[in-house]
Amino acid sequence: MVKDRVQLTVVVGSATPPGRLRRAVEEALARAEREGTVETRLIDLAEVQIASANGTPADQLGDDTAAVLASLADADAVLLATPVYRGSFTGVLKNLLDHVPIPALEGTPVGIVAMGATPHHFLGAESHLRDVLAFFGALVAPVGVYLTSADFADGVPIDAAAEDLDTLVTGVAELARATGGIPLGGPRPLPVRPRPRAAQAG
């Protein structure tokens, strides 16, 4: 079923107060909202409390974990934005993803935004996130957005960076409309596939 307005949940995976990455993403979401085809929710991990993933059910944690997981599960599409830490994505984002049940992201269109100080790690966070998202069976946009300091002037994204972000937001929204929640025919993620019982000896 094609939806008029795609529900897009965006996670900014930073442990520090809002900065340029948050601003760039927020401005892209505002532009998408003005188009009238996307409804967005932004979750900044610096502003919510997510427990360490230790197997405790989310509804027993008494913090923001359950609400954040519900927002991801309800989304038609997801955008994950992360600073580059040690050549990869942040620990706080990995901790959140360790909480997420597979059905919450299975088959969900996901876009990736990463930001580093220089271009040298432009594939680090993205490639590692793609590995994790493959575990969920998410439908990841083929190309992510990578931002550096050169993509900002006085803290504001330059036009080229803003255009790249707009293209990614539009792309994952259109992917959500095109699939409409319909399984694409591939196998389910390995951890949730039914496994045959081992043959008994003798």
N, C-alpha and C. Protein backbone atom coordinates (compact mmCIF):
# COMPACT_ATOMS: atom_id res chain seq x y z
N MET A 1 0.85 -1.20 0.00
CA MET A 1 0.00 0.00 0.00
C MET A 1 0.89 1.25 0.00
N VAL A 2 0.68 2.15 -0.95
CA VAL A 2 1.48 3.36 -1.05
C VAL A 2 0.93 4.40 -0.07
N LYS A 3 1.81 4.96 0.74
CA LYS A 3 1.40 5.94 1.74
C LYS A 3 1.67 7.34 1.22
N ASP A 4 0.76 8.27 1.58
CA ASP A 4 0.96 9.66 1.19
C ASP A 4 2.16 10.26 1.91
N ARG A 5 2.30 9.92 3.19
CA ARG A 5 3.39 10.50 3.98
C ARG A 5 4.18 9.37 4.63
N VAL A 6 5.45 9.32 4.30
CA VAL A 6 6.34 8.29 4.84
C VAL A 6 6.78 8.70 6.24
N GLN A 7 6.72 7.76 7.18
CA GLN A 7 7.19 7.99 8.54
C GLN A 7 8.69 7.69 8.58
N LEU A 8 9.49 8.73 8.76
CA LEU A 8 10.94 8.60 8.76
C LEU A 8 11.49 8.87 10.15
N THR A 9 12.13 7.88 10.74
CA THR A 9 12.79 8.07 12.04
C THR A 9 14.28 8.23 11.80
N VAL A 10 14.85 9.27 12.39
CA VAL A 10 16.25 9.60 12.21
C VAL A 10 16.96 9.50 13.56
N VAL A 11 18.06 8.77 13.60
CA VAL A 11 18.86 8.65 14.82
C VAL A 11 20.19 9.34 14.59
N VAL A 12 20.48 10.35 15.41
CA VAL A 12 21.80 10.97 15.41
C VAL A 12 22.61 10.28 16.50
N GLY A 13 23.61 9.53 16.09
CA GLY A 13 24.33 8.66 17.01
C GLY A 13 25.54 9.31 17.63
N SER A 14 25.34 10.44 18.27
CA SER A 14 26.45 11.13 18.91
C SER A 14 26.25 11.15 20.42
N ALA A 15 27.36 11.07 21.14
CA ALA A 15 27.28 11.13 22.61
C ALA A 15 27.50 12.54 23.13
N THR A 16 27.74 13.49 22.23
CA THR A 16 28.05 14.86 22.63
C THR A 16 26.90 15.78 22.27
N PRO A 17 26.88 16.99 22.82
CA PRO A 17 25.78 17.93 22.53
C PRO A 17 25.65 18.19 21.03
N PRO A 18 24.48 18.64 20.60
CA PRO A 18 24.24 18.84 19.17
C PRO A 18 25.28 19.74 18.52
N GLY A 19 25.70 19.34 17.32
CA GLY A 19 26.70 20.10 16.58
C GLY A 19 26.32 20.19 15.12
N ARG A 20 27.33 20.23 14.25
CA ARG A 20 27.08 20.45 12.83
C ARG A 20 26.32 19.29 12.18
N LEU A 21 26.64 18.06 12.57
CA LEU A 21 25.93 16.92 12.00
C LEU A 21 24.44 17.01 12.30
N ARG A 22 24.11 17.27 13.56
CA ARG A 22 22.71 17.42 13.94
C ARG A 22 22.05 18.54 13.13
N ARG A 23 22.72 19.67 13.00
CA ARG A 23 22.13 20.78 12.26
C ARG A 23 21.88 20.40 10.81
N ALA A 24 22.85 19.77 10.20
CA ALA A 24 22.70 19.39 8.79
C ALA A 24 21.51 18.45 8.59
N VAL A 25 21.39 17.47 9.48
CA VAL A 25 20.28 16.52 9.37
C VAL A 25 18.95 17.21 9.65
N GLU A 26 18.90 18.03 10.69
CA GLU A 26 17.65 18.72 11.02
C GLU A 26 17.16 19.59 9.86
N GLU A 27 18.08 20.31 9.24
CA GLU A 27 17.68 21.17 8.13
C GLU A 27 17.16 20.35 6.95
N ALA A 28 17.77 19.20 6.69
CA ALA A 28 17.28 18.33 5.62
C ALA A 28 15.88 17.81 5.93
N LEU A 29 15.65 17.47 7.18
CA LEU A 29 14.33 16.98 7.57
C LEU A 29 13.28 18.08 7.45
N ALA A 30 13.66 19.29 7.83
CA ALA A 30 12.73 20.42 7.71
C ALA A 30 12.33 20.65 6.26
N ARG A 31 13.30 20.55 5.38
CA ARG A 31 12.98 20.72 3.95
C ARG A 31 12.06 19.61 3.46
N ALA A 32 12.31 18.37 3.90
CA ALA A 32 11.46 17.25 3.49
C ALA A 32 10.04 17.42 4.04
N GLU A 33 9.94 17.90 5.29
CA GLU A 33 8.61 18.12 5.89
C GLU A 33 7.84 19.16 5.09
N ARG A 34 8.52 20.20 4.63
CA ARG A 34 7.83 21.26 3.88
C ARG A 34 7.29 20.74 2.55
N GLU A 35 7.92 19.70 2.02
CA GLU A 35 7.41 19.10 0.79
C GLU A 35 6.09 18.38 1.02
N GLY A 36 5.80 18.02 2.27
CA GLY A 36 4.52 17.43 2.62
C GLY A 36 4.39 15.95 2.37
N THR A 37 5.50 15.28 2.07
CA THR A 37 5.42 13.85 1.77
C THR A 37 6.08 12.98 2.83
N VAL A 38 6.74 13.62 3.81
CA VAL A 38 7.47 12.88 4.83
C VAL A 38 7.12 13.44 6.20
N GLU A 39 6.89 12.56 7.16
CA GLU A 39 6.77 12.94 8.56
C GLU A 39 8.00 12.40 9.27
N THR A 40 8.68 13.24 10.02
CA THR A 40 9.96 12.84 10.59
C THR A 40 9.95 12.88 12.10
N ARG A 41 10.78 12.05 12.67
CA ARG A 41 11.07 12.11 14.09
C ARG A 41 12.57 11.98 14.25
N LEU A 42 13.19 12.92 14.96
CA LEU A 42 14.62 12.90 15.18
C LEU A 42 14.91 12.47 16.61
N ILE A 43 15.79 11.49 16.76
CA ILE A 43 16.24 11.02 18.06
C ILE A 43 17.74 11.25 18.15
N ASP A 44 18.14 12.11 19.07
CA ASP A 44 19.56 12.39 19.28
C ASP A 44 20.00 11.59 20.50
N LEU A 45 20.94 10.69 20.32
CA LEU A 45 21.34 9.82 21.42
C LEU A 45 22.05 10.58 22.53
N ALA A 46 22.44 11.84 22.28
CA ALA A 46 23.00 12.66 23.35
C ALA A 46 21.91 13.20 24.27
N GLU A 47 20.64 13.05 23.85
CA GLU A 47 19.54 13.63 24.61
C GLU A 47 18.60 12.59 25.22
N VAL A 48 18.87 11.32 25.00
CA VAL A 48 18.04 10.26 25.57
C VAL A 48 18.91 9.32 26.39
N GLN A 49 18.27 8.57 27.23
CA GLN A 49 18.99 7.61 28.07
C GLN A 49 18.71 6.20 27.57
N ILE A 50 19.75 5.57 27.07
CA ILE A 50 19.67 4.20 26.57
C ILE A 50 20.55 3.32 27.45
N ALA A 51 19.97 2.31 28.05
CA ALA A 51 20.73 1.43 28.93
C ALA A 51 21.75 0.62 28.15
N SER A 52 22.76 0.15 28.83
CA SER A 52 23.70 -0.80 28.22
C SER A 52 22.94 -2.07 27.85
N ALA A 53 23.19 -2.55 26.65
CA ALA A 53 22.48 -3.74 26.19
C ALA A 53 23.03 -4.98 26.89
N ASN A 54 22.23 -5.52 27.80
CA ASN A 54 22.66 -6.70 28.55
C ASN A 54 21.62 -7.81 28.54
N GLY A 55 20.65 -7.70 27.64
CA GLY A 55 19.62 -8.72 27.55
C GLY A 55 18.37 -8.43 28.34
N THR A 56 18.38 -7.39 29.17
CA THR A 56 17.18 -7.03 29.92
C THR A 56 16.11 -6.51 28.95
N PRO A 57 14.86 -6.98 29.05
CA PRO A 57 13.81 -6.47 28.16
C PRO A 57 13.68 -4.95 28.27
N ALA A 58 13.46 -4.31 27.14
CA ALA A 58 13.44 -2.84 27.11
C ALA A 58 12.38 -2.26 28.02
N ASP A 59 11.24 -2.94 28.15
CA ASP A 59 10.16 -2.38 28.97
C ASP A 59 10.45 -2.50 30.46
N GLN A 60 11.55 -3.13 30.82
CA GLN A 60 11.94 -3.23 32.24
C GLN A 60 13.09 -2.30 32.60
N LEU A 61 13.54 -1.48 31.65
CA LEU A 61 14.74 -0.68 31.89
C LEU A 61 14.45 0.66 32.56
N GLY A 62 13.24 1.17 32.44
CA GLY A 62 12.89 2.41 33.10
C GLY A 62 13.57 3.64 32.54
N ASP A 63 13.96 3.60 31.25
CA ASP A 63 14.59 4.76 30.62
C ASP A 63 13.94 4.98 29.26
N ASP A 64 14.67 5.54 28.31
CA ASP A 64 14.10 5.87 27.00
C ASP A 64 14.23 4.74 25.98
N THR A 65 14.82 3.63 26.38
CA THR A 65 15.12 2.59 25.40
C THR A 65 13.87 2.08 24.70
N ALA A 66 12.83 1.75 25.44
CA ALA A 66 11.63 1.17 24.84
C ALA A 66 10.97 2.14 23.86
N ALA A 67 10.93 3.42 24.21
CA ALA A 67 10.31 4.41 23.32
C ALA A 67 11.09 4.56 22.03
N VAL A 68 12.41 4.55 22.12
CA VAL A 68 13.24 4.67 20.92
C VAL A 68 13.07 3.44 20.04
N LEU A 69 13.05 2.27 20.63
CA LEU A 69 12.85 1.05 19.85
C LEU A 69 11.49 1.05 19.17
N ALA A 70 10.47 1.55 19.85
CA ALA A 70 9.14 1.61 19.27
C ALA A 70 9.11 2.55 18.06
N SER A 71 9.83 3.67 18.17
CA SER A 71 9.89 4.60 17.05
C SER A 71 10.56 3.97 15.83
N LEU A 72 11.60 3.21 16.06
CA LEU A 72 12.26 2.51 14.95
C LEU A 72 11.35 1.45 14.34
N ALA A 73 10.66 0.72 15.19
CA ALA A 73 9.79 -0.34 14.69
C ALA A 73 8.60 0.22 13.90
N ASP A 74 8.12 1.40 14.29
CA ASP A 74 6.96 2.00 13.62
C ASP A 74 7.33 2.73 12.33
N ALA A 75 8.61 2.96 12.10
CA ALA A 75 9.03 3.78 10.96
C ALA A 75 8.88 3.03 9.64
N ASP A 76 8.53 3.79 8.60
CA ASP A 76 8.56 3.24 7.24
C ASP A 76 9.98 3.25 6.69
N ALA A 77 10.79 4.19 7.17
CA ALA A 77 12.19 4.31 6.74
C ALA A 77 12.98 4.90 7.89
N VAL A 78 14.29 4.66 7.86
CA VAL A 78 15.17 5.08 8.96
C VAL A 78 16.40 5.73 8.36
N LEU A 79 16.90 6.76 9.05
CA LEU A 79 18.17 7.38 8.69
C LEU A 79 19.07 7.31 9.91
N LEU A 80 20.27 6.77 9.74
CA LEU A 80 21.25 6.70 10.82
C LEU A 80 22.38 7.66 10.51
N ALA A 81 22.61 8.61 11.42
CA ALA A 81 23.67 9.61 11.23
C ALA A 81 24.67 9.48 12.36
N THR A 82 25.96 9.41 12.02
CA THR A 82 26.96 9.18 13.05
C THR A 82 28.24 9.95 12.77
N PRO A 83 28.86 10.50 13.80
CA PRO A 83 30.24 10.95 13.64
C PRO A 83 31.15 9.73 13.48
N VAL A 84 32.31 9.95 12.92
CA VAL A 84 33.29 8.87 12.81
C VAL A 84 34.15 8.87 14.06
N TYR A 85 34.12 7.75 14.79
CA TYR A 85 34.97 7.57 15.97
C TYR A 85 35.88 6.39 15.70
N ARG A 86 37.17 6.60 15.80
CA ARG A 86 38.15 5.52 15.62
C ARG A 86 37.91 4.76 14.31
N GLY A 87 37.57 5.49 13.26
CA GLY A 87 37.39 4.87 11.96
C GLY A 87 36.10 4.11 11.79
N SER A 88 35.15 4.25 12.72
CA SER A 88 33.89 3.53 12.63
C SER A 88 32.78 4.40 13.20
N PHE A 89 31.60 3.80 13.38
CA PHE A 89 30.50 4.55 13.96
C PHE A 89 30.59 4.50 15.48
N THR A 90 29.78 5.29 16.14
CA THR A 90 29.94 5.50 17.58
C THR A 90 29.48 4.32 18.42
N GLY A 91 30.03 4.24 19.62
CA GLY A 91 29.63 3.21 20.56
C GLY A 91 28.19 3.35 21.02
N VAL A 92 27.71 4.59 21.17
CA VAL A 92 26.33 4.77 21.62
C VAL A 92 25.35 4.28 20.56
N LEU A 93 25.69 4.45 19.29
CA LEU A 93 24.82 3.93 18.24
C LEU A 93 24.88 2.41 18.20
N LYS A 94 26.06 1.85 18.36
CA LYS A 94 26.16 0.38 18.41
C LYS A 94 25.36 -0.18 19.58
N ASN A 95 25.43 0.49 20.74
CA ASN A 95 24.68 0.02 21.90
C ASN A 95 23.18 0.03 21.60
N LEU A 96 22.69 1.09 20.95
CA LEU A 96 21.27 1.11 20.59
C LEU A 96 20.93 -0.04 19.66
N LEU A 97 21.75 -0.24 18.63
CA LEU A 97 21.46 -1.31 17.68
C LEU A 97 21.50 -2.68 18.33
N ASP A 98 22.29 -2.83 19.39
CA ASP A 98 22.31 -4.09 20.13
C ASP A 98 20.99 -4.37 20.82
N HIS A 99 20.21 -3.35 21.09
CA HIS A 99 18.88 -3.51 21.69
C HIS A 99 17.81 -3.85 20.66
N VAL A 100 18.02 -3.45 19.41
CA VAL A 100 16.94 -3.48 18.42
C VAL A 100 16.60 -4.92 18.02
N PRO A 101 15.33 -5.32 18.11
CA PRO A 101 14.95 -6.65 17.63
C PRO A 101 14.98 -6.70 16.10
N ILE A 102 15.30 -7.84 15.55
CA ILE A 102 15.46 -7.95 14.10
C ILE A 102 14.23 -7.47 13.34
N PRO A 103 12.99 -7.83 13.73
CA PRO A 103 11.83 -7.38 12.94
C PRO A 103 11.68 -5.87 12.85
N ALA A 104 12.29 -5.12 13.77
CA ALA A 104 12.15 -3.67 13.75
C ALA A 104 12.80 -3.05 12.53
N LEU A 105 13.85 -3.67 12.01
CA LEU A 105 14.55 -3.12 10.84
C LEU A 105 14.51 -4.06 9.63
N GLU A 106 13.99 -5.24 9.79
CA GLU A 106 13.97 -6.20 8.68
C GLU A 106 13.15 -5.64 7.52
N GLY A 107 13.78 -5.51 6.35
CA GLY A 107 13.09 -5.00 5.17
C GLY A 107 12.86 -3.51 5.17
N THR A 108 13.35 -2.80 6.18
CA THR A 108 13.14 -1.35 6.28
C THR A 108 14.19 -0.60 5.48
N PRO A 109 13.79 0.35 4.64
CA PRO A 109 14.78 1.18 3.95
C PRO A 109 15.57 2.02 4.97
N VAL A 110 16.89 2.01 4.85
CA VAL A 110 17.76 2.74 5.79
C VAL A 110 18.79 3.53 4.98
N GLY A 111 18.96 4.80 5.35
CA GLY A 111 20.02 5.63 4.78
C GLY A 111 21.09 5.89 5.82
N ILE A 112 22.31 6.10 5.38
CA ILE A 112 23.44 6.30 6.27
C ILE A 112 24.08 7.66 6.00
N VAL A 113 24.31 8.42 7.09
CA VAL A 113 25.05 9.67 7.02
C VAL A 113 26.20 9.57 8.01
N ALA A 114 27.40 9.88 7.58
CA ALA A 114 28.56 9.87 8.47
C ALA A 114 29.29 11.20 8.33
N MET A 115 29.98 11.59 9.40
CA MET A 115 30.74 12.83 9.36
C MET A 115 32.08 12.64 10.04
N GLY A 116 33.15 13.02 9.33
CA GLY A 116 34.49 12.93 9.88
C GLY A 116 35.25 14.22 9.67
N ALA A 117 36.39 14.34 10.31
CA ALA A 117 37.19 15.56 10.20
C ALA A 117 37.79 15.72 8.81
N THR A 118 38.13 14.60 8.18
CA THR A 118 38.74 14.61 6.85
C THR A 118 38.11 13.51 6.00
N PRO A 119 38.39 13.46 4.70
CA PRO A 119 37.84 12.40 3.85
C PRO A 119 38.46 11.02 4.07
N HIS A 120 39.49 10.90 4.90
CA HIS A 120 40.25 9.66 4.96
C HIS A 120 39.43 8.46 5.41
N HIS A 121 38.41 8.69 6.24
CA HIS A 121 37.62 7.56 6.76
C HIS A 121 36.23 7.53 6.13
N PHE A 122 36.13 7.96 4.90
CA PHE A 122 34.79 8.17 4.34
C PHE A 122 33.97 6.89 4.21
N LEU A 123 34.62 5.73 4.16
CA LEU A 123 33.86 4.47 4.09
C LEU A 123 33.88 3.70 5.41
N GLY A 124 34.63 4.16 6.41
CA GLY A 124 34.75 3.38 7.64
C GLY A 124 33.43 3.16 8.34
N ALA A 125 32.79 4.24 8.76
CA ALA A 125 31.53 4.11 9.50
C ALA A 125 30.46 3.49 8.63
N GLU A 126 30.43 3.90 7.35
CA GLU A 126 29.37 3.38 6.47
C GLU A 126 29.50 1.87 6.27
N SER A 127 30.72 1.39 5.99
CA SER A 127 30.87 -0.04 5.73
C SER A 127 30.57 -0.87 6.97
N HIS A 128 30.97 -0.36 8.15
CA HIS A 128 30.67 -1.10 9.37
C HIS A 128 29.18 -1.10 9.67
N LEU A 129 28.51 0.02 9.42
CA LEU A 129 27.06 0.05 9.61
C LEU A 129 26.37 -0.90 8.63
N ARG A 130 26.86 -0.98 7.41
CA ARG A 130 26.25 -1.90 6.44
C ARG A 130 26.36 -3.35 6.93
N ASP A 131 27.47 -3.70 7.55
CA ASP A 131 27.61 -5.05 8.11
C ASP A 131 26.52 -5.32 9.15
N VAL A 132 26.33 -4.35 10.05
CA VAL A 132 25.34 -4.53 11.11
C VAL A 132 23.93 -4.55 10.53
N LEU A 133 23.65 -3.68 9.58
CA LEU A 133 22.31 -3.63 9.00
C LEU A 133 22.01 -4.89 8.18
N ALA A 134 23.04 -5.53 7.63
CA ALA A 134 22.82 -6.81 6.95
C ALA A 134 22.34 -7.88 7.93
N PHE A 135 22.79 -7.80 9.17
CA PHE A 135 22.33 -8.73 10.20
C PHE A 135 20.81 -8.63 10.36
N PHE A 136 20.28 -7.40 10.24
CA PHE A 136 18.84 -7.19 10.39
C PHE A 136 18.06 -7.49 9.11
N GLY A 137 18.74 -7.60 7.99
CA GLY A 137 18.02 -7.71 6.73
C GLY A 137 17.40 -6.40 6.31
N ALA A 138 18.01 -5.27 6.71
CA ALA A 138 17.51 -3.96 6.32
C ALA A 138 17.80 -3.71 4.84
N LEU A 139 17.03 -2.81 4.26
CA LEU A 139 17.17 -2.46 2.86
C LEU A 139 17.94 -1.15 2.79
N VAL A 140 19.26 -1.23 2.66
CA VAL A 140 20.13 -0.07 2.81
C VAL A 140 20.30 0.65 1.48
N ALA A 141 20.16 1.98 1.50
CA ALA A 141 20.37 2.78 0.29
C ALA A 141 21.78 2.52 -0.24
N PRO A 142 21.94 2.42 -1.56
CA PRO A 142 23.24 2.03 -2.13
C PRO A 142 24.38 2.99 -1.79
N VAL A 143 24.09 4.28 -1.68
CA VAL A 143 25.13 5.26 -1.41
C VAL A 143 24.72 6.10 -0.21
N GLY A 144 25.64 6.30 0.73
CA GLY A 144 25.38 7.16 1.87
C GLY A 144 25.91 8.56 1.63
N VAL A 145 25.80 9.39 2.65
CA VAL A 145 26.33 10.75 2.60
C VAL A 145 27.48 10.84 3.60
N TYR A 146 28.60 11.39 3.16
CA TYR A 146 29.74 11.60 4.05
C TYR A 146 30.06 13.09 4.08
N LEU A 147 30.10 13.66 5.27
CA LEU A 147 30.35 15.08 5.45
C LEU A 147 31.68 15.29 6.17
N THR A 148 32.34 16.40 5.83
CA THR A 148 33.55 16.81 6.54
C THR A 148 33.42 18.29 6.88
N SER A 149 34.43 18.83 7.52
CA SER A 149 34.42 20.26 7.85
C SER A 149 34.27 21.12 6.60
N ALA A 150 34.78 20.64 5.48
CA ALA A 150 34.71 21.41 4.24
C ALA A 150 33.29 21.55 3.71
N ASP A 151 32.37 20.75 4.25
CA ASP A 151 30.97 20.81 3.81
C ASP A 151 30.16 21.84 4.59
N PHE A 152 30.84 22.63 5.43
CA PHE A 152 30.15 23.64 6.25
C PHE A 152 30.84 24.98 6.09
N ALA A 153 30.05 26.03 6.14
CA ALA A 153 30.56 27.40 6.17
C ALA A 153 29.88 28.11 7.34
N ASP A 154 30.69 28.51 8.33
CA ASP A 154 30.15 29.13 9.55
C ASP A 154 29.12 28.24 10.23
N GLY A 155 29.39 26.92 10.22
CA GLY A 155 28.52 25.96 10.88
C GLY A 155 27.29 25.55 10.10
N VAL A 156 27.11 26.12 8.91
CA VAL A 156 25.93 25.84 8.09
C VAL A 156 26.34 24.97 6.90
N PRO A 157 25.57 23.91 6.59
CA PRO A 157 25.92 23.07 5.43
C PRO A 157 25.93 23.90 4.15
N ILE A 158 26.95 23.69 3.33
CA ILE A 158 26.98 24.35 2.03
C ILE A 158 25.94 23.70 1.12
N ASP A 159 25.67 24.34 -0.01
CA ASP A 159 24.59 23.88 -0.88
C ASP A 159 24.79 22.44 -1.35
N ALA A 160 26.01 22.08 -1.70
CA ALA A 160 26.26 20.72 -2.21
C ALA A 160 25.96 19.67 -1.15
N ALA A 161 26.34 19.94 0.11
CA ALA A 161 26.07 19.00 1.19
C ALA A 161 24.58 18.89 1.45
N ALA A 162 23.90 20.03 1.45
CA ALA A 162 22.45 20.02 1.66
C ALA A 162 21.75 19.24 0.55
N GLU A 163 22.23 19.40 -0.67
CA GLU A 163 21.62 18.67 -1.79
C GLU A 163 21.83 17.16 -1.65
N ASP A 164 23.01 16.75 -1.21
CA ASP A 164 23.27 15.32 -1.00
C ASP A 164 22.33 14.75 0.06
N LEU A 165 22.16 15.49 1.15
CA LEU A 165 21.27 15.03 2.22
C LEU A 165 19.83 14.95 1.73
N ASP A 166 19.40 15.96 0.99
CA ASP A 166 18.03 15.94 0.45
C ASP A 166 17.82 14.74 -0.46
N THR A 167 18.83 14.43 -1.28
CA THR A 167 18.73 13.29 -2.19
C THR A 167 18.60 11.99 -1.41
N LEU A 168 19.36 11.86 -0.32
CA LEU A 168 19.29 10.64 0.48
C LEU A 168 17.94 10.51 1.17
N VAL A 169 17.45 11.59 1.77
CA VAL A 169 16.14 11.54 2.44
C VAL A 169 15.05 11.18 1.44
N THR A 170 15.08 11.83 0.27
CA THR A 170 14.09 11.52 -0.76
C THR A 170 14.21 10.07 -1.22
N GLY A 171 15.45 9.60 -1.35
CA GLY A 171 15.66 8.24 -1.82
C GLY A 171 15.10 7.18 -0.89
N VAL A 172 15.37 7.31 0.42
CA VAL A 172 14.86 6.29 1.34
C VAL A 172 13.35 6.39 1.47
N ALA A 173 12.80 7.62 1.35
CA ALA A 173 11.34 7.77 1.39
C ALA A 173 10.70 7.11 0.18
N GLU A 174 11.28 7.32 -1.00
CA GLU A 174 10.74 6.70 -2.21
C GLU A 174 10.90 5.19 -2.18
N LEU A 175 12.00 4.72 -1.59
CA LEU A 175 12.18 3.28 -1.45
C LEU A 175 11.10 2.69 -0.56
N ALA A 176 10.76 3.42 0.51
CA ALA A 176 9.69 2.96 1.40
C ALA A 176 8.35 2.92 0.66
N ARG A 177 8.09 3.94 -0.15
CA ARG A 177 6.84 3.94 -0.92
C ARG A 177 6.81 2.78 -1.93
N ALA A 178 7.95 2.56 -2.57
CA ALA A 178 7.99 1.53 -3.61
C ALA A 178 7.79 0.13 -3.04
N THR A 179 8.36 -0.11 -1.87
CA THR A 179 8.23 -1.45 -1.28
C THR A 179 6.94 -1.58 -0.48
N GLY A 180 6.51 -0.50 0.17
CA GLY A 180 5.24 -0.52 0.88
C GLY A 180 5.13 -1.60 1.93
N GLY A 181 6.27 -1.98 2.51
CA GLY A 181 6.23 -3.03 3.53
C GLY A 181 6.13 -4.44 2.96
N ILE A 182 6.18 -4.57 1.64
CA ILE A 182 6.07 -5.88 1.00
C ILE A 182 7.43 -6.57 1.03
N PRO A 183 7.51 -7.81 1.50
CA PRO A 183 8.80 -8.52 1.48
C PRO A 183 9.33 -8.60 0.05
N LEU A 184 10.65 -8.47 -0.08
CA LEU A 184 11.24 -8.42 -1.41
C LEU A 184 11.63 -9.79 -1.96
N GLY A 185 11.33 -10.84 -1.23
CA GLY A 185 11.53 -12.17 -1.77
C GLY A 185 12.84 -12.84 -1.40
N GLY A 186 13.73 -12.11 -0.74
CA GLY A 186 14.98 -12.72 -0.31
C GLY A 186 14.79 -13.52 0.97
N PRO A 187 15.82 -14.27 1.36
CA PRO A 187 15.72 -15.04 2.61
C PRO A 187 15.68 -14.11 3.81
N ARG A 188 15.10 -14.59 4.87
CA ARG A 188 15.08 -13.82 6.11
C ARG A 188 16.48 -13.84 6.73
N PRO A 189 16.77 -12.86 7.60
CA PRO A 189 18.09 -12.87 8.26
C PRO A 189 18.35 -14.20 8.95
N LEU A 190 19.58 -14.64 8.87
CA LEU A 190 19.94 -15.95 9.39
C LEU A 190 19.50 -16.19 10.83
N PRO A 191 19.64 -15.21 11.76
CA PRO A 191 19.28 -15.50 13.14
C PRO A 191 17.81 -15.82 13.37
N VAL A 192 16.92 -15.46 12.42
CA VAL A 192 15.50 -15.72 12.63
C VAL A 192 14.94 -16.75 11.66
N ARG A 193 15.80 -17.37 10.87
CA ARG A 193 15.32 -18.42 9.98
C ARG A 193 15.03 -19.69 10.77
N PRO A 194 13.98 -20.41 10.42
CA PRO A 194 13.76 -21.70 11.06
C PRO A 194 14.91 -22.65 10.74
N ARG A 195 15.42 -23.30 11.75
CA ARG A 195 16.54 -24.21 11.54
C ARG A 195 16.06 -25.64 11.69
N PRO A 196 16.44 -26.53 10.78
CA PRO A 196 16.04 -27.95 10.90
C PRO A 196 16.68 -28.58 12.13
N ARG A 197 15.95 -29.49 12.73
CA ARG A 197 16.53 -30.25 13.84
C ARG A 197 17.63 -31.17 13.34
N ALA A 198 18.65 -31.30 14.16
CA ALA A 198 19.77 -32.17 13.78
C ALA A 198 19.26 -33.62 13.70
N ALA A 199 19.73 -34.33 12.68
CA ALA A 199 19.33 -35.73 12.54
C ALA A 199 19.84 -36.54 13.73
N GLN A 200 18.98 -37.42 14.22
CA GLN A 200 19.37 -38.24 15.35
C GLN A 200 20.24 -39.41 14.89
N ALA A 201 21.26 -39.69 15.65
CA ALA A 201 22.15 -40.80 15.32
C ALA A 201 21.44 -42.15 15.47
N GLY A 202 21.85 -43.09 14.62
CA GLY A 202 21.34 -44.46 14.77
C GLY A 202 20.03 -44.63 14.12
